[in-house]
């Protein structure tokens, strides 16, 4: 059982991690908004695909859902 000071540190760390994740998601959205369709290169496509793969891997780790299931859900959005 966690002591009161230890529990407070744990809750502070938990809240910080949640807030940081939300901020990083917002930051990613800002970066996506900066892309202009007339400036797309194969390098930018490759970068976005790499980020997508990392996010799928991260979500699978965080949620316990298989990467293939996440990919299937994404594919269904584009049918």
PDB file of N, CA and C in Angstrom:
ATOM      1  N   UNK A   1       0.834  -1.174   0.000  1.00  0.00           N
ATOM      2  CA  UNK A   1       0.000   0.000   0.000  1.00  0.00           C
ATOM      3  C   UNK A   1       0.885   1.245   0.000  1.00  0.00           C
ATOM      4  N   UNK A   2       0.529   2.200  -0.808  1.00  0.00           N
ATOM      5  CA  UNK A   2       1.315   3.420  -0.931  1.00  0.00           C
ATOM      6  C   UNK A   2       1.081   4.330   0.267  1.00  0.00           C
ATOM      7  N   UNK A   3       2.177   4.921   0.737  1.00  0.00           N
ATOM      8  CA  UNK A   3       2.042   5.909   1.807  1.00  0.00           C
ATOM      9  C   UNK A   3       1.453   7.182   1.206  1.00  0.00           C
ATOM     10  N   UNK A   4       0.946   8.069   2.078  1.00  0.00           N
ATOM     11  CA  UNK A   4       0.302   9.290   1.592  1.00  0.00           C
ATOM     12  C   UNK A   4       1.244  10.137   0.721  1.00  0.00           C
ATOM     13  N   UNK A   5       2.501  10.389   1.141  1.00  0.00           N
ATOM     14  CA  UNK A   5       3.385  11.190   0.271  1.00  0.00           C
ATOM     15  C   UNK A   5       3.701  10.476  -1.043  1.00  0.00           C
ATOM     16  N   UNK A   6       3.869   9.163  -0.959  1.00  0.00           N
ATOM     17  CA  UNK A   6       4.152   8.385  -2.163  1.00  0.00           C
ATOM     18  C   UNK A   6       2.947   8.386  -3.097  1.00  0.00           C
ATOM     19  N   UNK A   7       1.749   8.262  -2.532  1.00  0.00           N
ATOM     20  CA  UNK A   7       0.536   8.284  -3.349  1.00  0.00           C
ATOM     21  C   UNK A   7       0.382   9.642  -4.026  1.00  0.00           C
ATOM     22  N   UNK A   8       0.699  10.726  -3.312  1.00  0.00           N
ATOM     23  CA  UNK A   8       0.602  12.054  -3.905  1.00  0.00           C
ATOM     24  C   UNK A   8       1.593  12.207  -5.057  1.00  0.00           C
ATOM     25  N   UNK A   9       2.824  11.725  -4.881  1.00  0.00           N
ATOM     26  CA  UNK A   9       3.815  11.793  -5.962  1.00  0.00           C
ATOM     27  C   UNK A   9       3.347  10.977  -7.158  1.00  0.00           C
ATOM     28  N   UNK A  10       2.754   9.814  -6.882  1.00  0.00           N
ATOM     29  CA  UNK A  10       2.251   8.957  -7.949  1.00  0.00           C
ATOM     30  C   UNK A  10       1.129   9.664  -8.710  1.00  0.00           C
ATOM     31  N   UNK A  11       0.204  10.284  -7.995  1.00  0.00           N
ATOM     32  CA  UNK A  11      -0.902  10.987  -8.646  1.00  0.00           C
ATOM     33  C   UNK A  11      -0.407  12.203  -9.428  1.00  0.00           C
ATOM     34  N   UNK A  12       0.589  12.903  -8.887  1.00  0.00           N
ATOM     35  CA  UNK A  12       1.176  14.037  -9.607  1.00  0.00           C
ATOM     36  C   UNK A  12       1.820  13.570 -10.909  1.00  0.00           C
ATOM     37  N   UNK A  13       2.555  12.460 -10.846  1.00  0.00           N
ATOM     38  CA  UNK A  13       3.200  11.906 -12.038  1.00  0.00           C
ATOM     39  C   UNK A  13       2.153  11.456 -13.055  1.00  0.00           C
ATOM     40  N   UNK A  14       1.080  10.863 -12.572  1.00  0.00           N
ATOM     41  CA  UNK A  14      -0.011  10.404 -13.444  1.00  0.00           C
ATOM     42  C   UNK A  14      -0.653  11.581 -14.175  1.00  0.00           C
ATOM     43  N   UNK A  15      -0.989  12.631 -13.407  1.00  0.00           N
ATOM     44  CA  UNK A  15      -1.616  13.814 -14.007  1.00  0.00           C
ATOM     45  C   UNK A  15      -0.677  14.503 -14.981  1.00  0.00           C
ATOM     46  N   UNK A  16       0.622  14.556 -14.667  1.00  0.00           N
ATOM     47  CA  UNK A  16       1.606  15.178 -15.559  1.00  0.00           C
ATOM     48  C   UNK A  16       1.694  14.390 -16.856  1.00  0.00           C
ATOM     49  N   UNK A  17       1.744  13.069 -16.759  1.00  0.00           N
ATOM     50  CA  UNK A  17       1.824  12.236 -17.961  1.00  0.00           C
ATOM     51  C   UNK A  17       0.587  12.429 -18.826  1.00  0.00           C
ATOM     52  N   UNK A  18      -0.596  12.465 -18.215  1.00  0.00           N
ATOM     53  CA  UNK A  18      -1.830  12.700 -18.969  1.00  0.00           C
ATOM     54  C   UNK A  18      -1.796  14.051 -19.670  1.00  0.00           C
ATOM     55  N   UNK A  19      -1.401  15.083 -18.951  1.00  0.00           N
ATOM     56  CA  UNK A  19      -1.363  16.429 -19.530  1.00  0.00           C
ATOM     57  C   UNK A  19      -0.339  16.509 -20.654  1.00  0.00           C
ATOM     58  N   UNK A  20       0.817  15.879 -20.462  1.00  0.00           N
ATOM     59  CA  UNK A  20       1.842  15.886 -21.502  1.00  0.00           C
ATOM     60  C   UNK A  20       1.369  15.161 -22.748  1.00  0.00           C
ATOM     61  N   UNK A  21       0.695  14.034 -22.588  1.00  0.00           N
ATOM     62  CA  UNK A  21       0.173  13.291 -23.737  1.00  0.00           C
ATOM     63  C   UNK A  21      -0.837  14.145 -24.497  1.00  0.00           C
ATOM     64  N   UNK A  22      -1.730  14.818 -23.785  1.00  0.00           N
ATOM     65  CA  UNK A  22      -2.711  15.693 -24.439  1.00  0.00           C
ATOM     66  C   UNK A  22      -2.011  16.830 -25.180  1.00  0.00           C
ATOM     67  N   UNK A  23      -0.986  17.406 -24.566  1.00  0.00           N
ATOM     68  CA  UNK A  23      -0.240  18.486 -25.225  1.00  0.00           C
ATOM     69  C   UNK A  23       0.482  17.988 -26.467  1.00  0.00           C
ATOM     70  N   UNK A  24       1.071  16.805 -26.382  1.00  0.00           N
ATOM     71  CA  UNK A  24       1.758  16.233 -27.548  1.00  0.00           C
ATOM     72  C   UNK A  24       0.774  15.954 -28.679  1.00  0.00           C
ATOM     73  N   UNK A  25      -0.421  15.469 -28.341  1.00  0.00           N
ATOM     74  CA  UNK A  25      -1.441  15.232 -29.368  1.00  0.00           C
ATOM     75  C   UNK A  25      -1.831  16.543 -30.044  1.00  0.00           C
ATOM     76  N   UNK A  26      -1.980  17.606 -29.251  1.00  0.00           N
ATOM     77  CA  UNK A  26      -2.285  18.930 -29.817  1.00  0.00           C
ATOM     78  C   UNK A  26      -1.150  19.408 -30.714  1.00  0.00           C
ATOM     79  N   UNK A  27       0.071  19.174 -30.284  1.00  0.00           N
ATOM     80  CA  UNK A  27       1.239  19.586 -31.044  1.00  0.00           C
ATOM     81  C   UNK A  27       1.287  18.858 -32.388  1.00  0.00           C
ATOM     82  N   UNK A  28       0.995  17.556 -32.360  1.00  0.00           N
ATOM     83  CA  UNK A  28       0.940  16.779 -33.607  1.00  0.00           C
ATOM     84  C   UNK A  28      -0.116  17.359 -34.539  1.00  0.00           C
ATOM     85  N   UNK A  29      -1.270  17.702 -33.990  1.00  0.00           N
ATOM     86  CA  UNK A  29      -2.333  18.294 -34.805  1.00  0.00           C
ATOM     87  C   UNK A  29      -1.864  19.596 -35.450  1.00  0.00           C
ATOM     88  N   UNK A  30      -1.143  20.416 -34.694  1.00  0.00           N
ATOM     89  CA  UNK A  30      -0.605  21.659 -35.254  1.00  0.00           C
ATOM     90  C   UNK A  30       0.376  21.374 -36.394  1.00  0.00           C
ATOM     91  N   UNK A  31       1.211  20.381 -36.223  1.00  0.00           N
ATOM     92  CA  UNK A  31       2.161  20.017 -37.279  1.00  0.00           C
ATOM     93  C   UNK A  31       1.422  19.530 -38.524  1.00  0.00           C
ATOM     94  N   UNK A  32       0.353  18.766 -38.333  1.00  0.00           N
ATOM     95  CA  UNK A  32      -0.437  18.286 -39.476  1.00  0.00           C
ATOM     96  C   UNK A  32      -1.091  19.449 -40.213  1.00  0.00           C
ATOM     97  N   UNK A  33      -1.535  20.440 -39.468  1.00  0.00           N
ATOM     98  CA  UNK A  33      -2.182  21.607 -40.073  1.00  0.00           C
ATOM     99  C   UNK A  33      -1.208  22.445 -40.893  1.00  0.00           C
ATOM    100  N   UNK A  34       0.093  22.332 -40.595  1.00  0.00           N
ATOM    101  CA  UNK A  34       1.094  23.110 -41.316  1.00  0.00           C
ATOM    102  C   UNK A  34       1.367  22.566 -42.721  1.00  0.00           C
ATOM    103  N   UNK A  35       1.050  21.296 -42.961  1.00  0.00           N
ATOM    104  CA  UNK A  35       1.306  20.684 -44.259  1.00  0.00           C
ATOM    105  C   UNK A  35       0.392  21.295 -45.314  1.00  0.00           C
ATOM    106  N   UNK A  36       0.959  21.664 -46.414  1.00  0.00           N
ATOM    107  CA  UNK A  36       0.188  22.208 -47.528  1.00  0.00           C
ATOM    108  C   UNK A  36       0.219  21.201 -48.666  1.00  0.00           C
ATOM    109  N   UNK A  37      -0.937  20.940 -49.264  1.00  0.00           N
ATOM    110  CA  UNK A  37      -1.056  19.908 -50.295  1.00  0.00           C
ATOM    111  C   UNK A  37      -0.111  20.142 -51.463  1.00  0.00           C
ATOM    112  N   UNK A  38       0.133  21.393 -51.819  1.00  0.00           N
ATOM    113  CA  UNK A  38       0.995  21.663 -52.966  1.00  0.00           C
ATOM    114  C   UNK A  38       2.481  21.537 -52.628  1.00  0.00           C
ATOM    115  N   UNK A  39       2.809  21.281 -51.368  1.00  0.00           N
ATOM    116  CA  UNK A  39       4.199  21.124 -50.953  1.00  0.00           C
ATOM    117  C   UNK A  39       4.535  19.682 -50.571  1.00  0.00           C
ATOM    118  N   UNK A  40       3.645  18.738 -50.840  1.00  0.00           N
ATOM    119  CA  UNK A  40       3.845  17.343 -50.454  1.00  0.00           C
ATOM    120  C   UNK A  40       4.936  16.719 -51.320  1.00  0.00           C
ATOM    121  N   UNK A  41       5.838  16.009 -50.649  1.00  0.00           N
ATOM    122  CA  UNK A  41       6.871  15.236 -51.332  1.00  0.00           C
ATOM    123  C   UNK A  41       6.788  13.797 -50.826  1.00  0.00           C
ATOM    124  N   UNK A  42       7.495  12.889 -51.516  1.00  0.00           N
ATOM    125  CA  UNK A  42       7.511  11.513 -51.028  1.00  0.00           C
ATOM    126  C   UNK A  42       8.185  11.439 -49.662  1.00  0.00           C
ATOM    127  N   UNK A  43       9.105  12.351 -49.388  1.00  0.00           N
ATOM    128  CA  UNK A  43       9.742  12.380 -48.066  1.00  0.00           C
ATOM    129  C   UNK A  43       8.724  12.731 -46.986  1.00  0.00           C
ATOM    130  N   UNK A  44       7.849  13.698 -47.266  1.00  0.00           N
ATOM    131  CA  UNK A  44       6.837  14.060 -46.266  1.00  0.00           C
ATOM    132  C   UNK A  44       5.823  12.927 -46.081  1.00  0.00           C
ATOM    133  N   UNK A  45       5.492  12.232 -47.165  1.00  0.00           N
ATOM    134  CA  UNK A  45       4.597  11.064 -47.061  1.00  0.00           C
ATOM    135  C   UNK A  45       5.246   9.999 -46.185  1.00  0.00           C
ATOM    136  N   UNK A  46       6.520   9.738 -46.431  1.00  0.00           N
ATOM    137  CA  UNK A  46       7.235   8.743 -45.632  1.00  0.00           C
ATOM    138  C   UNK A  46       7.292   9.122 -44.164  1.00  0.00           C
ATOM    139  N   UNK A  47       7.499  10.405 -43.888  1.00  0.00           N
ATOM    140  CA  UNK A  47       7.532  10.861 -42.498  1.00  0.00           C
ATOM    141  C   UNK A  47       6.184  10.652 -41.815  1.00  0.00           C
ATOM    142  N   UNK A  48       5.115  11.015 -42.510  1.00  0.00           N
ATOM    143  CA  UNK A  48       3.776  10.829 -41.934  1.00  0.00           C
ATOM    144  C   UNK A  48       3.463   9.353 -41.716  1.00  0.00           C
ATOM    145  N   UNK A  49       3.854   8.500 -42.671  1.00  0.00           N
ATOM    146  CA  UNK A  49       3.608   7.063 -42.516  1.00  0.00           C
ATOM    147  C   UNK A  49       4.394   6.508 -41.332  1.00  0.00           C
ATOM    148  N   UNK A  50       5.604   7.005 -41.131  1.00  0.00           N
ATOM    149  CA  UNK A  50       6.414   6.570 -39.993  1.00  0.00           C
ATOM    150  C   UNK A  50       5.754   6.988 -38.671  1.00  0.00           C
ATOM    151  N   UNK A  51       5.288   8.227 -38.606  1.00  0.00           N
ATOM    152  CA  UNK A  51       4.599   8.710 -37.408  1.00  0.00           C
ATOM    153  C   UNK A  51       3.340   7.878 -37.160  1.00  0.00           C
ATOM    154  N   UNK A  52       2.579   7.600 -38.237  1.00  0.00           N
ATOM    155  CA  UNK A  52       1.360   6.790 -38.087  1.00  0.00           C
ATOM    156  C   UNK A  52       1.695   5.428 -37.489  1.00  0.00           C
ATOM    157  N   UNK A  53       2.745   4.773 -37.992  1.00  0.00           N
ATOM    158  CA  UNK A  53       3.133   3.460 -37.465  1.00  0.00           C
ATOM    159  C   UNK A  53       3.514   3.545 -35.987  1.00  0.00           C
ATOM    160  N   UNK A  54       4.247   4.598 -35.630  1.00  0.00           N
ATOM    161  CA  UNK A  54       4.619   4.774 -34.221  1.00  0.00           C
ATOM    162  C   UNK A  54       3.391   5.000 -33.347  1.00  0.00           C
ATOM    163  N   UNK A  55       2.426   5.765 -33.850  1.00  0.00           N
ATOM    164  CA  UNK A  55       1.206   6.012 -33.074  1.00  0.00           C
ATOM    165  C   UNK A  55       0.376   4.743 -32.927  1.00  0.00           C
ATOM    166  N   UNK A  56       0.312   3.937 -33.978  1.00  0.00           N
ATOM    167  CA  UNK A  56      -0.405   2.658 -33.882  1.00  0.00           C
ATOM    168  C   UNK A  56       0.257   1.767 -32.835  1.00  0.00           C
ATOM    169  N   UNK A  57       1.580   1.707 -32.871  1.00  0.00           N
ATOM    170  CA  UNK A  57       2.319   0.905 -31.893  1.00  0.00           C
ATOM    171  C   UNK A  57       2.080   1.425 -30.470  1.00  0.00           C
ATOM    172  N   UNK A  58       2.107   2.726 -30.306  1.00  0.00           N
ATOM    173  CA  UNK A  58       1.885   3.333 -28.993  1.00  0.00           C
ATOM    174  C   UNK A  58       0.471   3.070 -28.496  1.00  0.00           C
ATOM    175  N   UNK A  59      -0.518   3.232 -29.383  1.00  0.00           N
ATOM    176  CA  UNK A  59      -1.900   2.980 -28.986  1.00  0.00           C
ATOM    177  C   UNK A  59      -2.111   1.519 -28.627  1.00  0.00           C
ATOM    178  N   UNK A  60      -1.502   0.625 -29.373  1.00  0.00           N
ATOM    179  CA  UNK A  60      -1.622  -0.805 -29.065  1.00  0.00           C
ATOM    180  C   UNK A  60      -1.049  -1.096 -27.675  1.00  0.00           C
ATOM    181  N   UNK A  61       0.099  -0.522 -27.380  1.00  0.00           N
ATOM    182  CA  UNK A  61       0.711  -0.700 -26.065  1.00  0.00           C
ATOM    183  C   UNK A  61      -0.183  -0.144 -24.961  1.00  0.00           C
ATOM    184  N   UNK A  62      -0.698   1.059 -25.185  1.00  0.00           N
ATOM    185  CA  UNK A  62      -1.488   1.760 -24.171  1.00  0.00           C
ATOM    186  C   UNK A  62      -2.850   1.111 -23.961  1.00  0.00           C
ATOM    187  N   UNK A  63      -3.477   0.659 -25.037  1.00  0.00           N
ATOM    188  CA  UNK A  63      -4.848   0.165 -24.956  1.00  0.00           C
ATOM    189  C   UNK A  63      -4.953  -1.348 -24.790  1.00  0.00           C
ATOM    190  N   UNK A  64      -3.906  -2.066 -25.180  1.00  0.00           N
ATOM    191  CA  UNK A  64      -3.980  -3.521 -25.163  1.00  0.00           C
ATOM    192  C   UNK A  64      -4.676  -4.088 -26.384  1.00  0.00           C
ATOM    193  N   UNK A  65      -5.028  -3.243 -27.339  1.00  0.00           N
ATOM    194  CA  UNK A  65      -5.657  -3.676 -28.586  1.00  0.00           C
ATOM    195  C   UNK A  65      -4.547  -4.008 -29.578  1.00  0.00           C
ATOM    196  N   UNK A  66      -4.714  -5.097 -30.299  1.00  0.00           N
ATOM    197  CA  UNK A  66      -3.705  -5.505 -31.274  1.00  0.00           C
ATOM    198  C   UNK A  66      -3.527  -4.453 -32.359  1.00  0.00           C
ATOM    199  N   UNK A  67      -2.300  -4.312 -32.829  1.00  0.00           N
ATOM    200  CA  UNK A  67      -2.014  -3.361 -33.897  1.00  0.00           C
ATOM    201  C   UNK A  67      -2.852  -3.657 -35.138  1.00  0.00           C
ATOM    202  N   UNK A  68      -3.040  -4.933 -35.442  1.00  0.00           N
ATOM    203  CA  UNK A  68      -3.835  -5.300 -36.622  1.00  0.00           C
ATOM    204  C   UNK A  68      -5.278  -4.837 -36.484  1.00  0.00           C
ATOM    205  N   UNK A  69      -5.811  -4.864 -35.279  1.00  0.00           N
ATOM    206  CA  UNK A  69      -7.178  -4.412 -35.029  1.00  0.00           C
ATOM    207  C   UNK A  69      -7.272  -2.884 -35.200  1.00  0.00           C
ATOM    208  N   UNK A  70      -6.276  -2.178 -34.708  1.00  0.00           N
ATOM    209  CA  UNK A  70      -6.247  -0.727 -34.879  1.00  0.00           C
ATOM    210  C   UNK A  70      -6.152  -0.390 -36.360  1.00  0.00           C
ATOM    211  N   UNK A  71      -5.283  -1.097 -37.097  1.00  0.00           N
ATOM    212  CA  UNK A  71      -5.129  -0.848 -38.530  1.00  0.00           C
ATOM    213  C   UNK A  71      -6.436  -1.146 -39.269  1.00  0.00           C
ATOM    214  N   UNK A  72      -7.125  -2.214 -38.885  1.00  0.00           N
ATOM    215  CA  UNK A  72      -8.406  -2.543 -39.513  1.00  0.00           C
ATOM    216  C   UNK A  72      -9.423  -1.428 -39.276  1.00  0.00           C
ATOM    217  N   UNK A  73      -9.448  -0.889 -38.062  1.00  0.00           N
ATOM    218  CA  UNK A  73     -10.362   0.219 -37.770  1.00  0.00           C
ATOM    219  C   UNK A  73     -10.033   1.444 -38.614  1.00  0.00           C
ATOM    220  N   UNK A  74      -8.747   1.737 -38.769  1.00  0.00           N
ATOM    221  CA  UNK A  74      -8.355   2.867 -39.616  1.00  0.00           C
ATOM    222  C   UNK A  74      -8.743   2.620 -41.067  1.00  0.00           C
ATOM    223  N   UNK A  75      -8.545   1.390 -41.551  1.00  0.00           N
ATOM    224  CA  UNK A  75      -8.895   1.066 -42.928  1.00  0.00           C
ATOM    225  C   UNK A  75     -10.392   1.238 -43.163  1.00  0.00           C
ATOM    226  N   UNK A  76     -11.202   0.887 -42.171  1.00  0.00           N
ATOM    227  CA  UNK A  76     -12.653   1.018 -42.308  1.00  0.00           C
ATOM    228  C   UNK A  76     -13.079   2.475 -42.457  1.00  0.00           C
ATOM    229  N   UNK A  77     -12.301   3.389 -41.905  1.00  0.00           N
ATOM    230  CA  UNK A  77     -12.618   4.812 -42.038  1.00  0.00           C
ATOM    231  C   UNK A  77     -12.474   5.304 -43.469  1.00  0.00           C
ATOM    232  N   UNK A  78     -11.719   4.567 -44.280  1.00  0.00           N
ATOM    233  CA  UNK A  78     -11.421   5.005 -45.647  1.00  0.00           C
ATOM    234  C   UNK A  78     -12.141   4.186 -46.694  1.00  0.00           C
ATOM    235  N   UNK A  79     -13.123   3.420 -46.282  1.00  0.00           N
ATOM    236  CA  UNK A  79     -13.888   2.608 -47.255  1.00  0.00           C
ATOM    237  C   UNK A  79     -15.058   3.399 -47.778  1.00  0.00           C
TER     238      UNK A  79
END
